[in-house]
Structure formats: C-alpha cells, structure tokens
C-alpha cells in the first residue's frame, strides 16, 4: 500500500508544529536555567558578603560537623523528647514571630 504525501500532509504539519513546540520549550528551559543560575550566584555573593561582614571569615567546619553529629545522635536515641523539643521550639518561634509582626496569638471575642 503506497501512501500519498498529499493525503497525509497533515501528519507532516503536525510533526513540524510538534518540533517547533519542543524547540520553544527547550529555549524556555534554557532561559529559565540561566536566570536561576544568575539569581543563585547573586544570592551566594550576598551571603558571602554578609558572612565576611559579620567577621566569620573561616568557621570551624569540624566543630560544626561534630555538633551536628551529636544532635542527630540525640534525636536517634531520644525520638519522643526530641519531637517535643522541636514542637516547643516551633511554638516559641511562632509566638515570637506573631509578637514581632504585631499580631496576637489569642483572639478575643470582645473585639468582634
């Protein structure tokens, strides 16, 4: 059975449109990646400037790793107290955030 290209021209058109769409998506992805790289670089430079400005030019990496290991060991050995500590810290941080933002954690029915 021989196919006539005139009868199946819509297949060629669809293939061309699909190819164009894939090319456009690739271009968009490349632009997005480039933008993300630029923003990441800007954030990294800003963080470096803040760290240097704070005077912490060379933090003790071994001490930080040891502290992290000890925290993870405590969490593995004491999961319930660690969870309760995390919940408590979250509640304290939330209340501090609300106070700083000028919101009260309790709602009064009198003000309604």
C-alpha atoms as a PDB file:
ATOM      1  CA  UNK A   1       0.000   0.000   0.000  1.00  0.00           C
ATOM      2  CA  UNK A   2       1.535   3.251  -1.093  1.00  0.00           C
ATOM      3  CA  UNK A   3       0.902   6.469   0.888  1.00  0.00           C
ATOM      4  CA  UNK A   4       0.217   9.637  -0.980  1.00  0.00           C
ATOM      5  CA  UNK A   5       2.001  12.588   0.649  1.00  0.00           C
ATOM      6  CA  UNK A   6      -0.855  14.880  -0.389  1.00  0.00           C
ATOM      7  CA  UNK A   7      -3.380  12.925   1.645  1.00  0.00           C
ATOM      8  CA  UNK A   8      -1.149  12.751   4.721  1.00  0.00           C
ATOM      9  CA  UNK A   9       0.172  16.298   4.628  1.00  0.00           C
ATOM     10  CA  UNK A  10      -1.472  16.939   7.990  1.00  0.00           C
ATOM     11  CA  UNK A  11       0.966  14.464   9.548  1.00  0.00           C
ATOM     12  CA  UNK A  12       3.895  16.463   8.232  1.00  0.00           C
ATOM     13  CA  UNK A  13       2.302  19.685   9.510  1.00  0.00           C
ATOM     14  CA  UNK A  14       1.709  18.145  12.936  1.00  0.00           C
ATOM     15  CA  UNK A  15       5.299  16.898  13.072  1.00  0.00           C
ATOM     16  CA  UNK A  16       6.588  20.366  12.192  1.00  0.00           C
ATOM     17  CA  UNK A  17       4.395  22.017  14.834  1.00  0.00           C
ATOM     18  CA  UNK A  18       5.493  19.464  17.408  1.00  0.00           C
ATOM     19  CA  UNK A  19       9.146  20.047  16.545  1.00  0.00           C
ATOM     20  CA  UNK A  20       8.652  23.825  16.858  1.00  0.00           C
ATOM     21  CA  UNK A  21       6.914  23.390  20.226  1.00  0.00           C
ATOM     22  CA  UNK A  22       9.746  21.205  21.531  1.00  0.00           C
ATOM     23  CA  UNK A  23      12.282  23.768  20.349  1.00  0.00           C
ATOM     24  CA  UNK A  24      10.381  26.584  22.078  1.00  0.00           C
ATOM     25  CA  UNK A  25      10.159  24.564  25.309  1.00  0.00           C
ATOM     26  CA  UNK A  26      13.889  23.879  25.140  1.00  0.00           C
ATOM     27  CA  UNK A  27      14.587  27.594  24.657  1.00  0.00           C
ATOM     28  CA  UNK A  28      12.346  28.484  27.603  1.00  0.00           C
ATOM     29  CA  UNK A  29      14.039  25.877  29.791  1.00  0.00           C
ATOM     30  CA  UNK A  30      17.462  27.248  28.854  1.00  0.00           C
ATOM     31  CA  UNK A  31      16.376  30.820  29.679  1.00  0.00           C
ATOM     32  CA  UNK A  32      14.901  29.666  32.984  1.00  0.00           C
ATOM     33  CA  UNK A  33      18.072  27.778  33.873  1.00  0.00           C
ATOM     34  CA  UNK A  34      20.200  30.804  33.012  1.00  0.00           C
ATOM     35  CA  UNK A  35      18.022  33.045  35.175  1.00  0.00           C
ATOM     36  CA  UNK A  36      18.193  30.616  38.079  1.00  0.00           C
ATOM     37  CA  UNK A  37      21.972  30.423  37.787  1.00  0.00           C
ATOM     38  CA  UNK A  38      22.241  34.214  37.826  1.00  0.00           C
ATOM     39  CA  UNK A  39      19.959  34.523  40.855  1.00  0.00           C
ATOM     40  CA  UNK A  40      21.790  31.746  42.678  1.00  0.00           C
ATOM     41  CA  UNK A  41      25.107  33.446  42.030  1.00  0.00           C
ATOM     42  CA  UNK A  42      23.739  36.757  43.286  1.00  0.00           C
ATOM     43  CA  UNK A  43      22.380  35.132  46.454  1.00  0.00           C
ATOM     44  CA  UNK A  44      25.653  33.297  47.038  1.00  0.00           C
ATOM     45  CA  UNK A  45      27.650  36.510  46.662  1.00  0.00           C
ATOM     46  CA  UNK A  46      25.284  38.322  49.006  1.00  0.00           C
ATOM     47  CA  UNK A  47      25.614  35.601  51.624  1.00  0.00           C
ATOM     48  CA  UNK A  48      29.393  35.628  51.338  1.00  0.00           C
ATOM     49  CA  UNK A  49      29.427  39.397  51.852  1.00  0.00           C
ATOM     50  CA  UNK A  50      27.189  39.082  54.909  1.00  0.00           C
ATOM     51  CA  UNK A  51      29.361  36.341  56.416  1.00  0.00           C
ATOM     52  CA  UNK A  52      32.549  38.319  55.828  1.00  0.00           C
ATOM     53  CA  UNK A  53      30.857  41.448  57.171  1.00  0.00           C
ATOM     54  CA  UNK A  54      29.886  39.567  60.323  1.00  0.00           C
ATOM     55  CA  UNK A  55      33.521  38.662  60.925  1.00  0.00           C
ATOM     56  CA  UNK A  56      33.092  34.904  60.476  1.00  0.00           C
ATOM     57  CA  UNK A  57      35.584  34.530  57.677  1.00  0.00           C
ATOM     58  CA  UNK A  58      36.621  30.940  58.424  1.00  0.00           C
ATOM     59  CA  UNK A  59      34.161  28.922  60.515  1.00  0.00           C
ATOM     60  CA  UNK A  60      35.408  25.757  62.198  1.00  0.00           C
ATOM     61  CA  UNK A  61      33.924  23.091  59.939  1.00  0.00           C
ATOM     62  CA  UNK A  62      34.989  20.186  62.150  1.00  0.00           C
ATOM     63  CA  UNK A  63      33.267  21.732  65.182  1.00  0.00           C
ATOM     64  CA  UNK A  64      30.087  22.325  63.204  1.00  0.00           C
ATOM     65  CA  UNK A  65      30.087  18.733  61.934  1.00  0.00           C
ATOM     66  CA  UNK A  66      30.678  17.383  65.454  1.00  0.00           C
ATOM     67  CA  UNK A  67      27.792  19.440  66.814  1.00  0.00           C
ATOM     68  CA  UNK A  68      25.514  18.221  64.040  1.00  0.00           C
ATOM     69  CA  UNK A  69      26.506  14.598  64.687  1.00  0.00           C
ATOM     70  CA  UNK A  70      25.767  14.950  68.391  1.00  0.00           C
ATOM     71  CA  UNK A  71      22.333  16.444  67.669  1.00  0.00           C
ATOM     72  CA  UNK A  72      21.486  13.655  65.222  1.00  0.00           C
ATOM     73  CA  UNK A  73      22.651  11.034  67.727  1.00  0.00           C
ATOM     74  CA  UNK A  74      20.432  12.561  70.410  1.00  0.00           C
ATOM     75  CA  UNK A  75      17.446  12.546  68.040  1.00  0.00           C
ATOM     76  CA  UNK A  76      18.008   8.870  67.138  1.00  0.00           C
ATOM     77  CA  UNK A  77      18.380   7.831  70.771  1.00  0.00           C
ATOM     78  CA  UNK A  78      15.549  10.007  72.148  1.00  0.00           C
ATOM     79  CA  UNK A  79      12.909  10.474  69.430  1.00  0.00           C
ATOM     80  CA  UNK A  80       9.985  11.461  71.698  1.00  0.00           C
ATOM     81  CA  UNK A  81      11.800  14.139  73.735  1.00  0.00           C
ATOM     82  CA  UNK A  82      13.421  15.449  70.556  1.00  0.00           C
ATOM     83  CA  UNK A  83       9.988  15.744  68.931  1.00  0.00           C
ATOM     84  CA  UNK A  84       8.584  17.542  71.964  1.00  0.00           C
ATOM     85  CA  UNK A  85      11.549  19.925  71.976  1.00  0.00           C
ATOM     86  CA  UNK A  86      11.027  20.645  68.274  1.00  0.00           C
ATOM     87  CA  UNK A  87       7.300  21.306  68.767  1.00  0.00           C
ATOM     88  CA  UNK A  88       8.028  23.578  71.728  1.00  0.00           C
ATOM     89  CA  UNK A  89      10.678  25.480  69.803  1.00  0.00           C
ATOM     90  CA  UNK A  90       8.253  25.880  66.915  1.00  0.00           C
ATOM     91  CA  UNK A  91       5.574  27.251  69.215  1.00  0.00           C
ATOM     92  CA  UNK A  92       8.015  29.703  70.781  1.00  0.00           C
ATOM     93  CA  UNK A  93       9.266  30.822  67.367  1.00  0.00           C
ATOM     94  CA  UNK A  94       5.690  31.265  66.126  1.00  0.00           C
ATOM     95  CA  UNK A  95       4.690  33.349  69.144  1.00  0.00           C
ATOM     96  CA  UNK A  96       7.820  35.486  68.770  1.00  0.00           C
ATOM     97  CA  UNK A  97       7.036  35.974  65.076  1.00  0.00           C
ATOM     98  CA  UNK A  98       3.461  36.967  65.851  1.00  0.00           C
ATOM     99  CA  UNK A  99       4.592  39.459  68.516  1.00  0.00           C
ATOM    100  CA  UNK A 100       7.144  40.978  66.161  1.00  0.00           C
ATOM    101  CA  UNK A 101       4.523  41.262  63.413  1.00  0.00           C
ATOM    102  CA  UNK A 102       2.095  42.932  65.827  1.00  0.00           C
ATOM    103  CA  UNK A 103      -0.385  40.083  65.860  1.00  0.00           C
ATOM    104  CA  UNK A 104      -1.712  38.441  68.968  1.00  0.00           C
ATOM    105  CA  UNK A 105      -1.734  34.671  69.243  1.00  0.00           C
ATOM    106  CA  UNK A 106      -5.063  34.776  71.110  1.00  0.00           C
ATOM    107  CA  UNK A 107      -8.238  36.092  69.590  1.00  0.00           C
ATOM    108  CA  UNK A 108     -10.717  37.870  71.745  1.00  0.00           C
ATOM    109  CA  UNK A 109     -14.449  37.616  71.161  1.00  0.00           C
ATOM    110  CA  UNK A 110     -14.952  41.076  72.681  1.00  0.00           C
ATOM    111  CA  UNK A 111     -13.311  42.758  69.697  1.00  0.00           C
ATOM    112  CA  UNK A 112     -15.741  41.224  67.215  1.00  0.00           C
END
